Amino acid sequence: MTPEELQILGLSAKVALWSVAWSLPFALAAAYALARYRFPGKSVFDALVHLPLVLPPVVIGYFLLLLLGRRGPLGAFLEQYLGIEFSFRWTGAALACAVMGFPLMVRAMRLSFEAVDEKLEAAARTLGAGRLRVAATITLPLALPGVITGMLLSFARSLGEFGATITFVSNIPGETRTLPLAIYTYTQVPGGDDQALRLSVIAVAVSVAALIASEVMARRATRGMKGQDAAR
């Protein structure tokens, strides 16, 4: 791999990791609320969570640009008073990837939370444990395989994000040019086919590795929980 390709791969990994880190607490909260609570507007909330799955990524990127761009209402406030910039920065790329990967993370976590036997939670509450403690010590450990799967699926999705990223933060070498944007760039220049093919192979390899890691870690977590149950 050339130094430029290593730099592109490193930036892509950085963006994907931060996108997962930023969305993780919100995804946990959203998944737990959808799995365990009934509240007015739940269907609307569920639809909003999964909206990035059905909207064109360019639309998501455009909305982010309107809201968090330097002239956007929230973007101007953050830049002026907090010194935080998202548009045309790698942080904006991470935010766009977080939004696009959020539904995948929530869906995997929600299914895992729903699979946890509510009788175990009820038994813990009858012994005096509060709802927060039950969620942290009973529900979350039992749902760990789904949490891990959701994180890795979101990571893999972030590595392949293109439309929202290029619309929100453009295609700036060394700053926002992740793997998909670099592949697109090389396909547009004469003689760039070899580099585009090489980066495409790298993207496939990294994505497959993330999916395999998701399966392996989920299985290990499941075996570990079964071992703990057997020991009890």
Protein backbone atom coordinates (compact mmCIF):
# COMPACT_ATOMS: atom_id res chain seq x y z
CA MET A 1 0.00 0.00 0.00
CA THR A 2 1.17 3.51 -0.80
CA PRO A 3 1.47 6.21 1.91
CA GLU A 4 -1.58 7.93 0.42
CA GLU A 5 -3.64 4.73 0.63
CA LEU A 6 -2.53 4.18 4.22
CA GLN A 7 -3.57 7.73 5.04
CA ILE A 8 -6.98 7.19 3.44
CA LEU A 9 -7.48 3.91 5.30
CA GLY A 10 -6.40 5.48 8.60
CA LEU A 11 -8.80 8.40 8.16
CA SER A 12 -11.64 6.01 7.28
CA ALA A 13 -11.00 3.95 10.41
CA LYS A 14 -10.81 7.11 12.53
CA VAL A 15 -14.10 8.42 11.16
CA ALA A 16 -15.83 5.06 11.59
CA LEU A 17 -14.60 4.57 15.17
CA TRP A 18 -15.68 8.04 16.25
CA SER A 19 -19.05 7.63 14.53
CA VAL A 20 -19.67 4.49 16.59
CA ALA A 21 -18.47 6.13 19.81
CA TRP A 22 -20.74 9.16 19.34
CA SER A 23 -23.85 7.20 18.46
CA LEU A 24 -23.45 4.36 21.01
CA PRO A 25 -25.07 6.00 24.07
CA PHE A 26 -27.97 7.37 22.01
CA ALA A 27 -28.46 4.01 20.29
CA LEU A 28 -28.53 2.18 23.63
CA ALA A 29 -31.11 4.60 25.00
CA ALA A 30 -33.26 4.45 21.86
CA ALA A 31 -33.10 0.66 21.62
CA TYR A 32 -33.95 0.19 25.30
CA ALA A 33 -36.87 2.64 25.09
CA LEU A 34 -38.29 0.91 22.00
CA ALA A 35 -37.85 -2.55 23.55
CA ARG A 36 -39.14 -1.86 27.05
CA TYR A 37 -41.48 1.14 27.08
CA ARG A 38 -44.84 2.11 25.67
CA PHE A 39 -45.31 5.82 25.17
CA PRO A 40 -47.31 8.18 22.96
CA GLY A 41 -45.71 8.62 19.58
CA LYS A 42 -43.64 5.44 19.81
CA SER A 43 -44.41 4.54 16.19
CA VAL A 44 -43.34 7.99 15.04
CA PHE A 45 -40.15 7.77 17.09
CA ASP A 46 -39.42 4.32 15.65
CA ALA A 47 -39.96 5.68 12.13
CA LEU A 48 -37.60 8.62 12.76
CA VAL A 49 -34.90 6.30 14.09
CA HIS A 50 -35.05 4.16 10.95
CA LEU A 51 -35.52 7.08 8.52
CA PRO A 52 -31.86 7.09 7.36
CA LEU A 53 -32.37 3.55 6.05
CA VAL A 54 -34.98 4.66 3.51
CA LEU A 55 -33.98 8.24 2.72
CA PRO A 56 -31.34 8.88 0.06
CA PRO A 57 -28.03 9.55 1.86
CA VAL A 58 -27.70 12.80 -0.07
CA VAL A 59 -30.86 14.06 1.63
CA ILE A 60 -29.40 13.28 5.05
CA GLY A 61 -26.19 15.09 4.12
CA TYR A 62 -28.13 18.09 2.82
CA PHE A 63 -30.17 18.37 6.03
CA LEU A 64 -26.97 18.15 8.08
CA LEU A 65 -25.47 20.90 5.95
CA LEU A 66 -28.52 23.12 6.45
CA LEU A 67 -28.52 22.54 10.21
CA LEU A 68 -24.82 22.27 11.05
CA GLY A 69 -23.18 24.18 8.21
CA ARG A 70 -21.32 27.36 9.03
CA ARG A 71 -24.42 29.37 8.18
CA GLY A 72 -26.83 26.87 9.69
CA PRO A 73 -28.65 27.80 12.92
CA LEU A 74 -26.95 25.17 15.04
CA GLY A 75 -23.66 25.12 13.17
CA ALA A 76 -23.17 28.88 13.49
CA PHE A 77 -23.92 28.73 17.21
CA LEU A 78 -21.49 25.87 17.84
CA GLU A 79 -18.71 27.55 15.88
CA GLN A 80 -19.16 31.00 17.40
CA TYR A 81 -19.64 30.07 21.05
CA LEU A 82 -18.00 26.65 21.43
CA GLY A 83 -15.47 26.58 18.62
CA ILE A 84 -16.92 23.32 17.27
CA GLU A 85 -17.00 22.86 13.50
CA PHE A 86 -18.55 20.03 11.55
CA SER A 87 -18.88 21.17 7.94
CA PHE A 88 -15.88 20.33 5.75
CA ARG A 89 -14.12 18.63 8.67
CA TRP A 90 -13.47 14.97 9.52
CA THR A 91 -15.70 15.44 12.54
CA GLY A 92 -18.56 16.18 10.14
CA ALA A 93 -17.77 13.01 8.24
CA ALA A 94 -17.95 11.07 11.51
CA LEU A 95 -21.29 12.70 12.33
CA ALA A 96 -22.73 11.86 8.90
CA CYS A 97 -21.57 8.25 9.28
CA ALA A 98 -23.05 8.10 12.78
CA VAL A 99 -26.44 9.20 11.48
CA MET A 100 -26.38 6.69 8.63
CA GLY A 101 -25.26 3.80 10.84
CA PHE A 102 -27.58 4.65 13.74
CA PRO A 103 -30.59 2.60 12.57
CA LEU A 104 -28.49 -0.55 12.13
CA MET A 105 -27.08 -0.18 15.62
CA VAL A 106 -30.47 0.45 17.20
CA ARG A 107 -32.15 -2.43 15.40
CA ALA A 108 -29.57 -5.02 16.51
CA MET A 109 -29.64 -3.75 20.09
CA ARG A 110 -33.42 -3.59 20.23
CA LEU A 111 -33.81 -7.19 19.11
CA SER A 112 -31.28 -8.25 21.71
CA PHE A 113 -33.05 -6.31 24.48
CA GLU A 114 -36.38 -7.84 23.48
CA ALA A 115 -34.85 -11.31 23.72
CA VAL A 116 -33.95 -10.79 27.40
CA ASP A 117 -36.49 -12.45 29.70
CA GLU A 118 -38.40 -9.70 31.49
CA LYS A 119 -39.02 -12.07 34.39
CA LEU A 120 -35.35 -11.78 35.33
CA GLU A 121 -35.66 -8.01 35.44
CA ALA A 122 -38.85 -8.25 37.49
CA ALA A 123 -37.17 -10.61 39.95
CA ALA A 124 -34.27 -8.19 40.40
CA ARG A 125 -36.66 -5.30 41.04
CA THR A 126 -38.54 -7.30 43.68
CA LEU A 127 -35.21 -7.72 45.48
CA GLY A 128 -34.85 -3.95 45.67
CA ALA A 129 -32.80 -3.10 42.59
CA GLY A 130 -33.75 0.09 40.82
CA ARG A 131 -34.58 0.24 37.12
CA LEU A 132 -31.19 1.75 36.23
CA ARG A 133 -29.30 -0.91 38.19
CA VAL A 134 -31.38 -3.68 36.62
CA ALA A 135 -30.64 -2.32 33.16
CA ALA A 136 -26.89 -2.08 33.89
CA THR A 137 -26.44 -5.41 35.68
CA ILE A 138 -29.09 -7.67 34.12
CA THR A 139 -30.40 -6.39 30.81
CA LEU A 140 -27.23 -4.96 29.27
CA PRO A 141 -24.98 -7.97 30.01
CA LEU A 142 -27.59 -10.38 28.62
CA ALA A 143 -28.03 -8.21 25.53
CA LEU A 144 -24.27 -7.87 24.98
CA PRO A 145 -24.14 -9.96 21.76
CA GLY A 146 -26.66 -7.64 20.11
CA VAL A 147 -24.83 -4.56 21.36
CA ILE A 148 -21.55 -5.81 19.88
CA THR A 149 -23.25 -6.75 16.62
CA GLY A 150 -24.87 -3.32 16.36
CA MET A 151 -21.57 -1.54 16.95
CA LEU A 152 -19.72 -3.55 14.32
CA LEU A 153 -22.53 -3.23 11.78
CA SER A 154 -22.50 0.53 12.28
CA PHE A 155 -18.70 0.54 11.94
CA ALA A 156 -18.90 -1.39 8.66
CA ARG A 157 -21.67 0.92 7.40
CA SER A 158 -19.55 3.95 8.26
CA LEU A 159 -16.65 2.62 6.22
CA GLY A 160 -18.91 2.51 3.16
CA GLU A 161 -20.74 5.81 3.66
CA PHE A 162 -20.59 8.09 0.61
CA GLY A 163 -23.66 10.18 -0.18
CA ALA A 164 -24.22 11.96 3.15
CA THR A 165 -20.50 12.48 3.66
CA ILE A 166 -19.70 14.09 0.32
CA THR A 167 -22.80 16.32 0.56
CA PHE A 168 -22.07 17.52 4.09
CA VAL A 169 -18.26 17.75 4.23
CA SER A 170 -17.21 17.57 0.56
CA ASN A 171 -14.21 15.56 -0.69
CA ILE A 172 -11.11 17.13 0.85
CA PRO A 173 -7.81 15.18 0.68
CA GLY A 174 -6.43 14.42 4.12
CA GLU A 175 -9.51 15.79 5.89
CA THR A 176 -12.71 14.16 4.64
CA ARG A 177 -11.60 11.86 1.80
CA THR A 178 -12.50 8.44 3.19
CA LEU A 179 -12.35 5.14 1.27
CA PRO A 180 -15.58 5.55 -0.75
CA LEU A 181 -14.75 9.16 -1.64
CA ALA A 182 -11.21 8.22 -2.65
CA ILE A 183 -12.50 5.39 -4.87
CA TYR A 184 -14.93 7.79 -6.52
CA THR A 185 -12.14 10.32 -7.04
CA TYR A 186 -9.83 7.80 -8.70
CA THR A 187 -12.57 6.64 -11.05
CA GLN A 188 -12.91 10.22 -12.30
CA VAL A 189 -9.25 10.82 -13.20
CA PRO A 190 -7.31 9.31 -16.12
CA GLY A 191 -5.18 6.35 -15.05
CA GLY A 192 -6.83 6.05 -11.67
CA ASP A 193 -8.50 2.70 -12.27
CA ASP A 194 -5.72 0.68 -10.66
CA GLN A 195 -5.82 2.72 -7.46
CA ALA A 196 -9.62 2.61 -7.41
CA LEU A 197 -9.54 -1.18 -7.77
CA ARG A 198 -6.92 -1.54 -5.04
CA LEU A 199 -8.93 0.61 -2.62
CA SER A 200 -12.11 -1.27 -3.52
CA VAL A 201 -10.43 -4.56 -2.59
CA ILE A 202 -9.26 -3.02 0.68
CA ALA A 203 -12.77 -1.77 1.42
CA VAL A 204 -14.25 -5.21 0.78
CA ALA A 205 -11.62 -6.88 2.97
CA VAL A 206 -12.14 -4.48 5.88
CA SER A 207 -15.93 -4.75 5.69
CA VAL A 208 -15.83 -8.56 5.57
CA ALA A 209 -13.42 -8.57 8.52
CA ALA A 210 -15.79 -6.36 10.51
CA LEU A 211 -18.75 -8.65 9.77
CA ILE A 212 -16.77 -11.76 10.71
CA ALA A 213 -15.57 -10.07 13.90
CA SER A 214 -19.18 -9.21 14.71
CA GLU A 215 -20.22 -12.84 14.39
CA VAL A 216 -17.24 -14.17 16.36
CA MET A 217 -17.59 -11.67 19.21
CA ALA A 218 -21.34 -12.23 19.44
CA ARG A 219 -20.81 -15.98 19.67
CA ARG A 220 -18.14 -15.60 22.33
CA ALA A 221 -20.37 -13.29 24.36
CA THR A 222 -23.24 -15.77 24.08
CA ARG A 223 -21.02 -18.67 25.16
CA GLY A 224 -19.68 -16.61 28.06
CA MET A 225 -23.19 -15.83 29.32
CA LYS A 226 -24.21 -19.47 28.98
CA GLY A 227 -21.13 -20.47 30.98
CA GLN A 228 -22.07 -18.01 33.72
CA ASP A 229 -25.62 -19.36 33.81
CA ALA A 230 -24.31 -22.91 34.08
CA ALA A 231 -21.96 -21.92 36.93
CA ARG A 232 -24.88 -20.45 38.82
